[in-house]
Protein backbone atom coordinates (compact mmCIF):
# COMPACT_ATOMS: atom_id res chain seq x y z
CA MET A 1 0.00 0.00 0.00
CA LYS A 2 1.44 3.35 -1.03
CA LYS A 3 1.96 5.77 1.84
CA GLU A 4 0.51 9.27 1.76
CA LYS A 5 2.80 12.09 0.75
CA SER A 6 2.05 13.78 4.05
CA GLU A 7 4.07 11.15 5.90
CA VAL A 8 7.76 11.82 6.48
CA GLN A 9 10.07 8.97 7.37
CA ASP A 10 12.07 9.50 10.56
CA ILE A 11 14.95 7.37 11.78
CA ASP A 12 13.99 4.56 14.14
CA ARG A 13 10.63 5.92 15.28
CA SER A 14 8.60 2.89 14.27
CA LEU A 15 7.25 2.52 17.80
CA TYR A 16 5.48 5.88 17.50
CA ASP A 17 5.29 6.56 13.75
CA PHE A 18 2.08 4.74 12.96
CA LYS A 19 -1.27 6.39 12.40
CA ASN A 20 -4.97 5.67 11.91
CA GLU A 21 -5.96 7.30 8.65
CA ASP A 22 -9.68 7.60 9.38
CA ALA A 23 -9.84 7.92 13.17
CA ASP A 24 -10.28 11.71 13.13
CA ALA A 25 -13.80 11.44 11.72
CA TYR A 26 -14.91 14.79 13.10
CA ARG A 27 -12.78 17.91 13.04
CA LEU A 28 -13.53 21.59 13.19
CA LYS A 29 -12.13 23.85 10.50
CA GLU A 30 -8.63 25.29 10.82
CA GLY A 31 -7.94 28.54 12.59
CA LEU A 32 -9.07 30.32 15.72
CA THR A 33 -12.27 32.37 15.75
CA GLU A 34 -15.05 33.10 18.22
CA GLU A 35 -17.26 30.73 16.24
CA ILE A 36 -14.73 27.88 16.60
CA VAL A 37 -14.25 28.50 20.33
CA SER A 38 -18.02 28.56 20.85
CA GLN A 39 -18.36 25.29 18.94
CA ILE A 40 -15.71 23.66 21.15
CA SER A 41 -17.70 24.83 24.16
CA VAL A 42 -20.78 23.12 22.73
CA GLU A 43 -18.85 19.90 22.02
CA LYS A 44 -17.58 19.90 25.61
CA ASN A 45 -20.97 20.70 27.14
CA ASP A 46 -19.37 23.52 29.15
CA PRO A 47 -21.04 25.13 32.13
CA ALA A 48 -21.77 28.82 31.50
CA TRP A 49 -18.72 30.06 33.42
CA MET A 50 -16.39 27.94 31.31
CA LYS A 51 -17.79 29.21 28.02
CA LYS A 52 -17.29 32.77 29.27
CA PHE A 53 -13.75 31.90 30.33
CA ARG A 54 -12.97 30.51 26.88
CA LEU A 55 -14.18 33.62 25.08
CA GLU A 56 -12.30 35.92 27.46
CA SER A 57 -9.15 33.87 26.85
CA LEU A 58 -9.63 34.23 23.09
CA LYS A 59 -9.78 38.00 23.48
CA ILE A 60 -6.55 37.97 25.50
CA TYR A 61 -4.91 35.70 22.91
CA ASN A 62 -5.62 38.25 20.19
CA GLU A 63 -4.09 41.01 22.33
CA LEU A 64 -0.80 39.28 23.18
CA GLU A 65 2.29 39.04 20.98
CA VAL A 66 4.04 35.83 19.99
CA PRO A 67 7.14 35.26 22.18
CA ASN A 68 10.30 36.32 20.33
CA TRP A 69 13.06 35.50 22.80
CA GLY A 70 13.35 31.74 22.21
CA PRO A 71 13.68 29.53 19.12
CA SER A 72 11.77 30.75 16.10
CA ILE A 73 8.22 29.44 15.77
CA GLU A 74 7.59 31.13 12.42
CA GLY A 75 6.66 27.75 10.96
CA LEU A 76 3.62 27.59 13.22
CA ASP A 77 0.52 29.27 11.80
CA ILE A 78 -2.59 28.95 13.97
CA ASP A 79 -4.72 29.56 10.88
CA ASN A 80 -3.57 26.14 9.66
CA ILE A 81 -4.11 24.30 12.96
CA VAL A 82 -7.27 22.35 13.76
CA THR A 83 -8.01 22.96 17.45
CA TYR A 84 -10.59 20.19 17.93
CA VAL A 85 -10.55 16.65 16.52
CA ARG A 86 -12.37 13.60 17.83
CA ASN A 87 -12.97 10.00 16.87
CA ARG A 88 -16.25 8.77 15.43
CA ASP A 89 -17.76 7.50 18.66
CA ASN A 90 -16.90 10.49 20.90
CA LYS A 91 -17.38 8.65 24.15
CA MET A 92 -15.19 7.72 27.09
CA VAL A 93 -15.34 4.23 28.58
CA LYS A 94 -13.94 2.37 31.60
CA ASP A 95 -13.39 -0.93 29.80
CA TRP A 96 -10.63 -1.37 27.19
CA ASP A 97 -12.87 -3.78 25.28
CA GLU A 98 -15.30 -0.94 24.58
CA VAL A 99 -12.67 1.37 23.06
CA PRO A 100 -12.97 1.53 19.23
CA GLU A 101 -10.81 -1.20 17.75
CA ASP A 102 -8.34 0.96 15.81
CA ILE A 103 -7.81 3.33 18.74
CA LYS A 104 -7.49 0.43 21.16
CA ASP A 105 -4.85 -1.05 18.85
CA THR A 106 -2.91 2.23 19.04
CA PHE A 107 -2.69 2.12 22.82
CA GLU A 108 -2.01 -1.63 22.82
CA ARG A 109 1.00 -1.02 20.58
CA LEU A 110 2.17 1.71 22.97
CA GLY A 111 1.87 -0.70 25.89
CA ILE A 112 -0.64 1.29 27.95
CA PRO A 113 -3.08 -1.55 28.89
CA GLU A 114 -0.19 -3.82 29.83
CA ALA A 115 1.35 -1.13 32.04
CA GLU A 116 -2.01 -0.60 33.73
CA ARG A 117 -2.37 -4.29 34.50
CA LYS A 118 1.18 -4.59 35.85
CA SER A 119 2.04 -1.44 37.75
CA LEU A 120 -0.51 1.38 37.70
CA ALA A 121 -3.32 2.39 40.04
CA GLY A 122 -5.25 4.10 37.26
CA VAL A 123 -4.95 5.18 33.63
CA GLY A 124 -6.36 7.92 31.45
CA ALA A 125 -5.88 7.72 27.67
CA GLN A 126 -6.52 10.71 25.43
CA TYR A 127 -6.74 10.40 21.65
CA ASP A 128 -6.59 13.75 19.81
CA SER A 129 -9.03 16.08 21.63
CA GLU A 130 -10.98 13.57 23.70
CA LEU A 131 -10.41 11.07 26.50
CA VAL A 132 -11.32 7.61 25.21
CA TYR A 133 -10.59 5.68 28.40
CA HIS A 134 -10.33 6.46 32.11
CA ASN A 135 -10.24 4.09 35.03
CA ILE A 136 -8.99 3.80 38.60
CA LYS A 137 -8.53 0.65 40.67
CA ASP A 138 -11.28 0.00 43.21
CA GLU A 139 -8.91 -0.15 46.15
CA VAL A 140 -7.51 3.29 45.32
CA ALA A 141 -10.96 4.80 44.84
CA ALA A 142 -11.92 3.31 48.22
CA GLN A 143 -9.29 5.57 49.79
CA GLY A 144 -11.26 8.55 48.53
CA VAL A 145 -8.88 9.28 45.66
CA VAL A 146 -10.56 10.93 42.67
CA TYR A 147 -9.10 10.35 39.20
CA SER A 148 -11.31 11.30 36.29
CA ASP A 149 -11.45 13.24 33.08
CA LEU A 150 -11.65 16.95 33.77
CA GLU A 151 -14.86 17.58 31.81
CA SER A 152 -16.89 15.01 33.77
CA ALA A 153 -15.56 16.43 37.02
CA LEU A 154 -16.89 19.88 36.07
CA TYR A 155 -20.41 18.59 36.82
CA GLY A 156 -19.65 16.32 39.76
CA GLU A 157 -19.03 16.58 43.47
CA TYR A 158 -15.80 18.49 42.93
CA ALA A 159 -17.13 21.09 40.48
CA ASP A 160 -16.61 23.98 42.92
CA MET A 161 -13.05 22.82 43.67
CA ILE A 162 -12.24 22.79 39.97
CA LYS A 163 -13.74 26.23 39.42
CA GLU A 164 -11.66 27.54 42.33
CA HIS A 165 -8.38 26.13 40.97
CA PHE A 166 -8.75 26.02 37.17
CA MET A 167 -6.16 28.31 35.49
CA ARG A 168 -5.31 30.07 38.75
CA LEU A 169 -1.63 29.09 38.68
CA ILE A 170 -1.45 29.47 34.90
CA THR A 171 -3.54 32.42 33.80
CA PRO A 172 -4.47 33.41 30.23
CA ARG A 173 -2.42 36.60 30.61
CA ASP A 174 0.80 34.72 31.36
CA HIS A 175 1.65 34.39 27.67
CA LYS A 176 -0.04 34.00 24.28
CA PHE A 177 -0.15 30.20 24.33
CA ALA A 178 -1.58 30.09 27.84
CA ALA A 179 -4.39 32.27 26.48
CA LEU A 180 -4.77 29.91 23.51
CA HIS A 181 -5.04 27.01 25.94
CA GLY A 182 -7.71 28.81 27.95
CA ALA A 183 -9.75 29.27 24.79
CA VAL A 184 -9.54 25.80 23.24
CA TRP A 185 -8.50 23.37 26.01
CA SER A 186 -9.95 19.89 25.69
CA GLY A 187 -9.41 16.68 27.64
CA GLY A 188 -6.96 16.08 30.44
CA SER A 189 -7.31 14.70 33.94
CA PHE A 190 -8.45 15.75 37.40
CA VAL A 191 -6.87 14.16 40.48
CA TYR A 192 -7.71 14.78 44.11
CA VAL A 193 -5.90 12.95 46.92
CA PRO A 194 -7.57 13.44 50.34
CA PRO A 195 -5.59 14.43 53.48
CA GLY A 196 -3.22 11.78 54.77
CA VAL A 197 -3.80 9.36 51.88
CA SER A 198 -0.73 7.79 50.29
CA VAL A 199 -1.25 6.43 46.76
CA GLU A 200 1.48 3.82 46.67
CA ILE A 201 1.02 2.87 43.00
CA PRO A 202 1.35 5.58 40.30
CA LEU A 203 -1.46 7.04 38.22
CA GLN A 204 -0.78 7.67 34.54
CA SER A 205 -2.24 9.72 31.72
CA TYR A 206 -1.15 9.14 28.13
CA PHE A 207 -1.78 11.62 25.31
CA ARG A 208 -1.74 10.52 21.68
CA LEU A 209 -2.13 13.06 18.87
CA ASN A 210 -2.99 11.13 15.71
CA ALA A 211 -4.46 13.86 13.51
CA LYS A 212 -2.44 15.72 10.89
CA GLY A 213 -2.18 19.52 11.21
CA ALA A 214 -3.95 19.51 14.57
CA GLY A 215 -3.31 20.69 18.11
CA GLN A 216 -3.72 19.00 21.46
CA PHE A 217 -4.66 21.14 24.45
CA GLU A 218 -5.27 18.87 27.44
CA HIS A 219 -5.50 20.33 30.95
CA THR A 220 -4.21 18.42 33.97
CA LEU A 221 -5.32 19.57 37.43
CA ILE A 222 -3.95 17.74 40.48
CA ILE A 223 -4.66 18.58 44.12
CA VAL A 224 -2.72 16.62 46.76
CA ASP A 225 -4.16 17.54 50.13
CA GLU A 226 -2.37 17.87 53.48
CA GLY A 227 0.00 15.01 54.34
CA ALA A 228 -0.88 13.00 51.20
CA TYR A 229 1.39 11.39 48.60
CA LEU A 230 1.01 10.79 44.85
CA HIS A 231 3.20 9.76 41.93
CA PHE A 232 1.67 10.85 38.62
CA ILE A 233 3.14 9.79 35.27
CA GLU A 234 2.53 11.56 31.97
CA GLY A 235 3.40 10.13 28.57
CA CYS A 236 2.81 11.45 25.06
CA SER A 237 3.60 10.68 21.43
CA ALA A 238 2.50 11.35 17.85
CA PRO A 239 3.26 10.12 14.32
CA LYS A 240 5.25 12.39 12.03
CA TYR A 241 3.81 14.51 9.21
CA ASN A 242 5.26 17.19 6.96
CA VAL A 243 2.89 19.82 8.37
CA ALA A 244 3.09 21.49 11.76
CA ASN A 245 1.31 20.03 14.76
CA LEU A 246 0.92 21.91 18.06
CA HIS A 247 0.87 20.88 21.69
CA ALA A 248 -0.15 23.62 24.12
CA GLY A 249 -1.38 21.82 27.20
CA ALA A 250 -1.35 23.03 30.79
CA VAL A 251 -0.52 21.32 34.08
CA GLU A 252 -1.53 22.85 37.41
CA LEU A 253 -0.34 21.13 40.57
CA PHE A 254 -1.43 22.06 44.11
CA VAL A 255 0.65 20.43 46.86
CA GLY A 256 -0.78 20.83 50.37
CA LYS A 257 0.99 21.11 53.73
CA ASN A 258 3.46 18.27 54.30
CA ALA A 259 2.26 16.58 51.10
CA THR A 260 4.45 15.17 48.32
CA LEU A 261 3.77 15.00 44.60
CA ARG A 262 6.14 13.30 42.18
CA TYR A 263 5.34 14.28 38.59
CA SER A 264 7.14 12.26 35.88
CA THR A 265 7.00 13.07 32.18
CA ILE A 266 8.71 11.57 29.18
CA GLU A 267 7.62 13.01 25.85
CA ASN A 268 8.19 11.55 22.41
CA TRP A 269 6.38 14.05 20.23
CA SER A 270 7.16 13.72 16.54
CA LYS A 271 9.67 16.09 15.00
CA ASN A 272 7.07 18.25 13.29
CA MET A 273 5.58 19.17 16.67
CA TYR A 274 5.70 22.61 18.31
CA ASN A 275 5.62 21.79 22.02
CA LEU A 276 4.57 24.95 23.88
CA ASN A 277 3.42 23.39 27.12
CA THR A 278 3.05 25.16 30.48
CA LYS A 279 3.47 23.46 33.87
CA ARG A 280 3.27 25.02 37.31
CA ALA A 281 3.12 23.85 40.91
CA LYS A 282 2.30 25.62 44.17
CA VAL A 283 3.70 24.03 47.32
CA GLU A 284 2.44 24.76 50.84
CA ALA A 285 4.41 24.58 54.11
CA GLY A 286 6.46 21.40 54.48
CA GLY A 287 5.29 20.11 51.10
CA LYS A 288 7.44 18.82 48.26
CA ILE A 289 7.19 18.75 44.47
CA GLU A 290 9.45 16.40 42.50
CA TRP A 291 9.65 17.01 38.75
CA ILE A 292 11.11 14.22 36.58
CA SER A 293 11.31 15.29 32.94
CA GLY A 294 12.56 13.63 29.74
CA SER A 295 12.30 15.59 26.47
CA PHE A 296 13.16 13.62 23.33
CA GLY A 297 10.70 14.74 20.69
CA SER A 298 9.28 17.81 18.91
CA HIS A 299 10.73 20.21 16.38
CA ILE A 300 10.62 23.18 18.76
CA SER A 301 10.05 23.06 22.51
CA TYR A 302 9.39 25.80 25.03
CA LEU A 303 9.08 23.96 28.35
CA TYR A 304 9.90 25.35 31.80
CA PRO A 305 8.06 23.75 34.74
CA MET A 306 7.71 26.24 37.57
CA SER A 307 7.57 25.68 41.34
CA ILE A 308 6.13 28.30 43.68
CA LEU A 309 7.31 27.54 47.22
CA SER A 310 4.66 29.44 49.12
CA GLY A 311 4.89 27.86 52.58
CA GLU A 312 7.68 27.63 55.13
CA GLY A 313 9.94 24.65 54.54
CA ALA A 314 8.47 23.85 51.10
CA ARG A 315 10.81 21.98 48.74
CA SER A 316 11.26 21.49 45.03
CA GLU A 317 13.43 19.02 43.11
CA PHE A 318 13.77 19.07 39.33
CA THR A 319 15.57 16.29 37.45
CA GLY A 320 15.56 16.48 33.66
CA ILE A 321 17.17 15.25 30.47
CA THR A 322 16.85 16.65 26.95
CA PHE A 323 18.01 14.97 23.74
CA ALA A 324 18.04 17.08 20.55
CA GLY A 325 18.83 15.54 17.18
CA ALA A 326 18.76 16.83 13.62
CA GLY A 327 16.04 19.40 13.04
CA GLN A 328 15.34 19.92 16.74
CA ASN A 329 15.70 23.07 18.83
CA LEU A 330 14.68 22.26 22.38
CA ASP A 331 14.52 25.20 24.75
CA THR A 332 13.86 23.77 28.19
CA GLY A 333 14.55 24.44 31.85
CA CYS A 334 12.72 25.35 35.01
CA LYS A 335 11.81 28.19 37.35
CA VAL A 336 11.60 28.26 41.13
CA VAL A 337 10.16 31.06 43.26
CA HIS A 338 11.02 30.97 46.97
CA SER A 339 8.29 32.93 48.74
CA ALA A 340 8.64 31.66 52.31
CA PRO A 341 11.42 31.06 54.86
CA ASP A 342 13.58 27.92 54.90
CA THR A 343 12.45 26.74 51.48
CA SER A 344 14.80 24.73 49.29
CA SER A 345 15.18 23.82 45.64
CA TYR A 346 17.50 21.52 43.74
CA VAL A 347 17.86 21.39 39.95
CA ASN A 348 19.85 18.70 38.15
CA THR A 349 19.68 18.51 34.35
CA LYS A 350 21.48 16.83 31.48
CA SER A 351 21.25 17.72 27.80
CA ILE A 352 22.55 15.88 24.75
CA SER A 353 22.72 17.32 21.24
CA LYS A 354 23.80 15.69 17.98
CA GLY A 355 23.34 15.97 14.24
CA GLY A 356 22.98 19.75 14.37
CA GLY A 357 20.41 19.67 17.18
CA ALA A 358 20.29 22.54 19.66
CA CYS A 359 19.66 22.37 23.40
CA THR A 360 19.12 25.47 25.50
CA PHE A 361 18.74 25.26 29.25
CA ARG A 362 17.14 28.21 31.04
CA SER A 363 16.87 28.37 34.80
CA SER A 364 15.33 31.09 36.91
CA VAL A 365 15.67 31.16 40.69
CA VAL A 366 13.88 33.90 42.61
CA ILE A 367 14.34 34.23 46.36
CA ASN A 368 12.05 36.89 47.78
CA ARG A 369 12.85 39.13 50.76
CA ASN A 370 10.83 37.06 53.22
CA ALA A 371 12.39 33.76 52.12
CA LYS A 372 15.18 33.92 54.69
CA GLY A 373 17.21 30.77 55.27
CA SER A 374 16.36 29.40 51.82
CA LYS A 375 18.70 27.26 49.75
CA ALA A 376 18.89 26.78 45.99
CA SER A 377 21.25 24.68 43.88
CA VAL A 378 21.30 24.46 40.08
CA SER A 379 23.50 21.97 38.20
CA CYS A 380 23.36 21.47 34.44
CA GLU A 381 25.61 19.39 32.20
CA SER A 382 25.63 19.33 28.41
CA LEU A 383 27.13 16.82 26.02
CA MET A 384 27.62 17.68 22.35
CA LEU A 385 28.29 14.75 20.05
CA ASP A 386 29.60 16.60 17.00
CA SER A 387 30.76 20.00 15.79
CA MET A 388 27.38 20.78 14.15
CA SER A 389 25.41 20.72 17.38
CA ARG A 390 24.87 23.44 19.95
CA SER A 391 24.29 23.73 23.66
CA ASP A 392 23.59 26.88 25.68
CA THR A 393 22.98 27.52 29.35
CA ILE A 394 21.15 30.69 30.41
CA PRO A 395 20.84 30.97 34.20
CA ALA A 396 19.03 33.81 35.95
CA MET A 397 19.07 34.43 39.69
CA ASP A 398 17.12 37.12 41.51
CA ILE A 399 18.13 37.05 45.18
CA ARG A 400 16.44 39.62 47.42
CA THR A 401 17.74 38.58 50.83
CA LYS A 402 21.28 38.16 52.16
CA ASP A 403 20.18 35.20 54.26
CA ALA A 404 20.20 32.60 51.48
CA ASP A 405 22.50 29.93 50.09
CA VAL A 406 22.52 29.80 46.29
CA GLY A 407 24.76 27.91 43.88
CA HIS A 408 24.99 27.30 40.14
CA GLU A 409 27.22 24.93 38.18
CA ALA A 410 27.33 24.32 34.44
CA LYS A 411 29.48 21.97 32.34
CA ILE A 412 29.63 21.58 28.56
CA GLY A 413 31.74 18.98 26.81
CA ARG A 414 32.11 16.37 24.08
CA ILE A 415 32.55 12.59 24.09
CA SER A 416 36.12 11.65 24.97
CA ASP A 417 37.98 10.06 22.07
CA ASP A 418 40.04 8.14 24.60
CA ALA A 419 36.91 6.64 26.17
CA VAL A 420 35.59 5.57 22.75
CA PHE A 421 38.97 4.08 21.81
CA TYR A 422 39.10 2.16 25.09
CA LEU A 423 35.69 0.59 24.54
CA MET A 424 36.47 -0.19 20.90
CA SER A 425 39.68 -1.89 21.99
CA ARG A 426 37.45 -4.24 24.00
CA GLY A 427 35.57 -5.25 20.87
CA ILE A 428 32.63 -2.86 21.16
CA PRO A 429 31.55 -1.21 17.85
CA GLU A 430 32.00 2.57 17.67
CA ASP A 431 28.30 3.52 17.58
CA GLU A 432 27.58 1.14 20.48
CA ALA A 433 30.51 2.57 22.45
CA LYS A 434 29.24 6.11 22.02
CA ALA A 435 25.71 5.06 22.97
CA MET A 436 27.09 3.46 26.14
CA ILE A 437 28.87 6.68 27.06
CA VAL A 438 25.72 8.72 26.50
CA SER A 439 23.65 6.27 28.55
CA GLY A 440 26.19 6.56 31.35
CA PHE A 441 26.06 10.35 31.14
CA SER A 442 22.29 10.27 31.63
CA ASP A 443 22.24 7.41 34.12
CA ASN A 444 21.45 9.44 37.25
CA VAL A 445 18.40 10.89 35.47
CA SER A 446 17.14 7.57 34.14
CA LYS A 447 17.30 6.13 37.66
CA GLU A 448 14.66 8.66 38.69
CA LEU A 449 12.21 7.61 35.95
CA PRO A 450 9.66 4.82 36.39
CA LEU A 451 11.26 1.56 35.25
CA GLU A 452 9.43 1.25 31.91
CA TYR A 453 10.26 4.84 31.01
CA ALA A 454 13.92 4.46 31.97
CA VAL A 455 14.18 1.47 29.64
CA GLU A 456 12.36 3.43 26.92
CA MET A 457 14.69 6.40 27.36
CA ASN A 458 17.82 4.26 27.00
CA ASN A 459 16.35 2.51 23.95
CA LEU A 460 15.57 5.87 22.37
CA ILE A 461 19.12 7.06 22.97
CA ARG A 462 20.53 3.92 21.35
CA LEU A 463 18.18 4.16 18.37
CA GLU A 464 18.90 7.84 17.84
CA MET A 465 22.65 7.28 18.12
CA LYS A 466 22.92 4.34 15.73
CA GLY A 467 24.72 5.40 12.59
CA SER A 468 24.12 9.06 13.28
CA ILE A 469 27.36 10.26 14.87
CA GLY A 470 30.26 11.45 12.78
């Protein structure tokens, strides 16, 4: 069967580069107008306040300028992006057997049902603009844990809680793509963990964008109440096309007093994707947010998870790895705001660039006047695998009290020829030797990922490296 001209072959992405040609049976027209936003509101059965919020966000979007300080996004034209696409059935189920066969096959190939059976307390699966599956284990629900699609929760017991928290950490005025998200958001998950409840097994949401020339705008809202614990895993992927796709989701995390939230993400967006995602957490006294981030896909990325340490003794840890190959410019990093005494933050990142890929790491640490006794440490290491590639580190520190301990360390280097020669002298082929060195470089990050994702990350590195290093 002859493949469509819209498909572009990409090295070793067979795990993700498959598509369902007819699954996007219903799609709105391209562009962004009041009519389109209103139609999305109808499709989502919005309460009145949400429709008003969408239209206000659209107005703000039209007022704001496109960011011009990062990688160029001139290739992204919202007039050519479809903001809402759904499958034929347009329904969410709690039984995999009821998911449409072609969509079910997609998630089976990605390993989501198997992961749920083996090691997850609950799973949400989004396909284009709609959740197609959402479920939580009975024993976890019995603890009072709520895990559902966000739209259903808008009309349930927690409707007032959602209205109180929705787009309060990330507001439409933050930047143009936050406003876009406010106007056209669709799908995503809502999680509430009651006080003192520890969810020992992770929850996971997986986002699959199948449609060509479309955007995905899921919203994740997680509230971990006082003394509770949760590990939430986010995965995403898409097949590759020769037209731009857009991801502009939003993640809002509320961590209560003495609570802990571990938020793990590994993204494998295709290399025609513009990933303009926004993530933010607010941490109360004694609470802790742990960010684990792996960025391997997309053409352009703007991604900087932010922690607001609002209570005394609040903590933030960010561990991340970025891998940029040919045709990729990944601008990533994180931001921490210390707004209370004795807060602490630790940032540890690794970036790898090859084949002309570019990695930029931006960090911003703000320690306010009342954040006395706070500590912040930022460490970033970059590995360039050839002379065509690029790596930049752009740290920013705004320290407004003398009673603080702040440090920053950055290292940039290349693979040692001596190390490669040593491994080759032991009978290891050159490309395998270099892949081993890169895997070792990223080892402390992969150890922080859930097991399946750590294996996936190392496999991706090996596949990307094979035959691609000069």
